[in-house]
Amino acid sequence: MDAREDRPAEIIAQSTGENEGEHATDATNNDTDSQAVKPKRVVKLTAKALAEKLEKLQDERKTKLNKASKVRKRLSELIQDGKNAEVQCYLDYLVKLCDETTCVHDSLMGLLDEVEKEKHDIWFKAKMISNNECISYVKRWVTGVEHQTLMGNDDDDDDDDESMMLMMLNMMLMTMMG
């Protein structure tokens, strides 16, 4: 019978606010439910914070583009040396780097007005052309090397074809870097 007497006391305490801990928990749950319905507050940056964020994103984008340029140069060297496995690793790294650079660019674009967006987008697309072309050419080179390896070709004509393809690829890479 003592257990029944305790229950009404708990209920009375909750309704009168005497048992604040439990009552506060109920209020918190109710607040959480009402917050789920309310839209989140949009964060508006101050002019100074916006300028700092823009500068940070531009610096990050430029750093990644510079890294991509160095990777392209290294790919050219590796292709000349015929180091297939390393070429594939650097190619994967270049693709990842270009994806990251594009993400940074997209973040930057969200902060700019329409006129600045257009300027930055034109500039970025021009910078990415050489990266995208390099990726395309290196993928073709890797595919050609894998094909020749699978076919097991030992003909002199194939060696001449490979040398010609390698020379053309290197010329294209050097043109893109210049």
Protein backbone atom coordinates (compact mmCIF):
# COMPACT_ATOMS: atom_id res chain seq x y z
CA MET A 1 0.00 0.00 0.00
CA ASP A 2 2.95 2.29 0.50
CA ALA A 3 3.72 2.08 -3.22
CA ARG A 4 0.26 3.42 -4.10
CA GLU A 5 0.65 6.29 -1.70
CA ASP A 6 3.98 7.26 -3.35
CA ARG A 7 2.50 7.39 -6.85
CA PRO A 8 -0.12 10.07 -6.15
CA ALA A 9 2.52 12.09 -4.35
CA GLU A 10 4.70 12.00 -7.49
CA ILE A 11 1.78 13.08 -9.66
CA ILE A 12 0.88 15.91 -7.30
CA ALA A 13 4.52 16.99 -7.11
CA GLN A 14 4.76 17.11 -10.91
CA SER A 15 1.59 19.13 -11.32
CA THR A 16 2.58 21.64 -8.64
CA GLY A 17 6.21 21.86 -9.81
CA GLU A 18 7.64 20.52 -6.56
CA ASN A 19 9.62 17.84 -8.36
CA GLU A 20 11.47 20.26 -10.66
CA GLY A 21 13.92 17.72 -12.15
CA GLU A 22 11.28 15.54 -13.72
CA HIS A 23 9.08 18.48 -14.67
CA ALA A 24 12.01 20.21 -16.34
CA THR A 25 12.65 17.10 -18.41
CA ASP A 26 9.08 17.12 -19.65
CA ALA A 27 9.37 20.80 -20.55
CA THR A 28 12.59 20.11 -22.42
CA ASN A 29 10.93 17.36 -24.43
CA ASN A 30 8.08 19.70 -25.31
CA ASP A 31 10.57 22.40 -26.35
CA THR A 32 12.42 19.91 -28.55
CA ASP A 33 9.19 18.96 -30.28
CA SER A 34 8.30 22.59 -30.94
CA GLN A 35 11.86 23.32 -32.14
CA ALA A 36 11.66 20.56 -34.70
CA VAL A 37 8.80 22.43 -36.35
CA LYS A 38 10.58 25.81 -36.37
CA PRO A 39 13.01 26.42 -39.25
CA LYS A 40 16.66 26.87 -38.32
CA ARG A 41 18.02 30.35 -38.05
CA VAL A 42 20.01 31.46 -41.08
CA VAL A 43 23.49 32.60 -40.14
CA LYS A 44 24.33 35.96 -41.67
CA LEU A 45 27.99 36.88 -41.80
CA THR A 46 29.23 40.35 -41.01
CA ALA A 47 31.06 42.15 -43.80
CA LYS A 48 34.40 41.40 -42.17
CA ALA A 49 33.59 37.72 -41.58
CA LEU A 50 32.36 37.38 -45.17
CA ALA A 51 35.56 38.97 -46.51
CA GLU A 52 37.68 36.64 -44.39
CA LYS A 53 35.74 33.57 -45.48
CA LEU A 54 35.98 34.59 -49.14
CA GLU A 55 39.73 35.09 -48.83
CA LYS A 56 40.16 31.75 -47.05
CA LEU A 57 38.19 29.87 -49.71
CA GLN A 58 40.03 31.62 -52.57
CA ASP A 59 43.38 30.79 -50.99
CA GLU A 60 42.35 27.17 -50.48
CA ARG A 61 41.15 26.89 -54.08
CA LYS A 62 44.36 28.44 -55.42
CA THR A 63 46.51 26.12 -53.27
CA LYS A 64 44.66 23.07 -54.57
CA LEU A 65 45.03 24.27 -58.17
CA ASN A 66 48.78 24.74 -57.63
CA LYS A 67 49.02 21.21 -56.20
CA ALA A 68 47.15 19.90 -59.23
CA SER A 69 49.67 21.61 -61.51
CA LYS A 70 52.54 19.91 -59.69
CA VAL A 71 50.77 16.56 -59.94
CA ARG A 72 50.34 17.05 -63.70
CA LYS A 73 54.07 17.70 -64.05
CA ARG A 74 54.87 14.60 -61.99
CA LEU A 75 52.49 12.54 -64.13
CA SER A 76 54.36 13.65 -67.24
CA GLU A 77 57.65 12.51 -65.70
CA LEU A 78 56.21 9.16 -64.62
CA ILE A 79 54.74 8.53 -68.06
CA GLN A 80 58.12 9.23 -69.66
CA ASP A 81 59.67 6.73 -67.26
CA GLY A 82 56.89 4.20 -67.97
CA LYS A 83 56.00 3.76 -64.29
CA ASN A 84 52.46 2.50 -64.76
CA ALA A 85 51.54 1.82 -61.12
CA GLU A 86 52.75 5.22 -59.96
CA VAL A 87 50.94 6.91 -62.87
CA GLN A 88 47.69 5.32 -61.71
CA CYS A 89 48.28 6.47 -58.10
CA TYR A 90 49.00 10.04 -59.18
CA LEU A 91 46.02 9.99 -61.52
CA ASP A 92 43.75 8.95 -58.66
CA TYR A 93 45.25 11.71 -56.52
CA LEU A 94 44.70 14.29 -59.27
CA VAL A 95 41.06 13.26 -59.66
CA LYS A 96 40.54 13.54 -55.89
CA LEU A 97 42.29 16.90 -55.79
CA CYS A 98 40.14 18.23 -58.64
CA ASP A 99 36.98 17.06 -56.87
CA GLU A 100 38.07 18.81 -53.66
CA THR A 101 38.92 21.96 -55.60
CA THR A 102 35.49 21.93 -57.22
CA CYS A 103 33.84 21.59 -53.79
CA VAL A 104 35.80 24.58 -52.49
CA HIS A 105 34.84 26.54 -55.60
CA ASP A 106 31.17 25.66 -55.13
CA SER A 107 31.33 26.82 -51.50
CA LEU A 108 32.86 30.08 -52.66
CA MET A 109 30.22 30.57 -55.33
CA GLY A 110 27.48 30.41 -52.70
CA LEU A 111 28.89 33.53 -51.04
CA LEU A 112 29.27 35.72 -54.12
CA ASP A 113 26.87 38.06 -55.89
CA GLU A 114 25.88 37.31 -59.50
CA VAL A 115 28.56 39.47 -61.16
CA GLU A 116 31.38 38.02 -59.06
CA LYS A 117 30.01 34.49 -59.53
CA GLU A 118 30.29 34.85 -63.28
CA LYS A 119 33.87 36.18 -63.09
CA HIS A 120 35.01 33.44 -60.71
CA ASP A 121 33.24 30.72 -62.66
CA ILE A 122 34.88 31.73 -65.94
CA TRP A 123 38.30 31.88 -64.27
CA PHE A 124 37.82 28.52 -62.54
CA LYS A 125 36.62 26.74 -65.66
CA ALA A 126 39.67 28.01 -67.56
CA LYS A 127 41.97 26.71 -64.81
CA MET A 128 40.22 23.32 -64.72
CA ILE A 129 40.47 22.74 -68.48
CA SER A 130 44.10 21.65 -68.24
CA ASN A 131 43.35 19.39 -65.26
CA ASN A 132 40.42 17.74 -67.02
CA GLU A 133 42.38 17.28 -70.25
CA CYS A 134 45.30 15.80 -68.34
CA ILE A 135 43.00 13.35 -66.56
CA SER A 136 41.46 12.34 -69.87
CA TYR A 137 44.83 11.84 -71.60
CA VAL A 138 46.36 9.92 -68.70
CA LYS A 139 43.31 7.66 -68.47
CA ARG A 140 43.72 6.87 -72.16
CA TRP A 141 47.42 6.21 -71.66
CA VAL A 142 46.76 3.88 -68.71
CA THR A 143 44.08 2.06 -70.70
CA GLY A 144 46.46 1.68 -73.65
CA VAL A 145 49.23 0.32 -71.44
CA GLU A 146 46.84 -2.10 -69.74
CA HIS A 147 45.53 -3.24 -73.13
CA GLN A 148 49.03 -3.85 -74.43
CA THR A 149 49.94 -5.72 -71.26
CA LEU A 150 46.87 -7.94 -71.54
CA MET A 151 47.47 -8.61 -75.22
CA GLY A 152 51.12 -9.43 -74.58
CA ASN A 153 52.19 -7.79 -77.83
CA ASP A 154 55.88 -8.11 -78.61
CA ASP A 155 55.71 -6.82 -82.20
CA ASP A 156 58.04 -3.98 -83.15
CA ASP A 157 55.08 -2.12 -84.70
CA ASP A 158 53.38 -2.02 -81.32
CA ASP A 159 56.53 -0.61 -79.71
CA ASP A 160 56.56 2.11 -82.36
CA ASP A 161 52.87 2.80 -81.70
CA GLU A 162 53.51 2.99 -77.95
CA SER A 163 56.46 5.32 -78.46
CA MET A 164 54.40 7.55 -80.74
CA MET A 165 51.51 7.59 -78.27
CA LEU A 166 53.89 8.38 -75.41
CA MET A 167 55.52 11.19 -77.35
CA MET A 168 52.14 12.69 -78.30
CA LEU A 169 50.89 12.42 -74.72
CA ASN A 170 53.98 14.13 -73.37
CA MET A 171 53.65 16.92 -75.94
CA MET A 172 50.02 17.44 -74.89
CA LEU A 173 50.93 17.45 -71.20
CA MET A 174 53.74 19.90 -71.74
CA THR A 175 51.43 22.17 -73.75
CA MET A 176 48.84 22.11 -70.96
CA MET A 177 51.43 23.00 -68.33
CA GLY A 178 52.88 25.90 -70.25
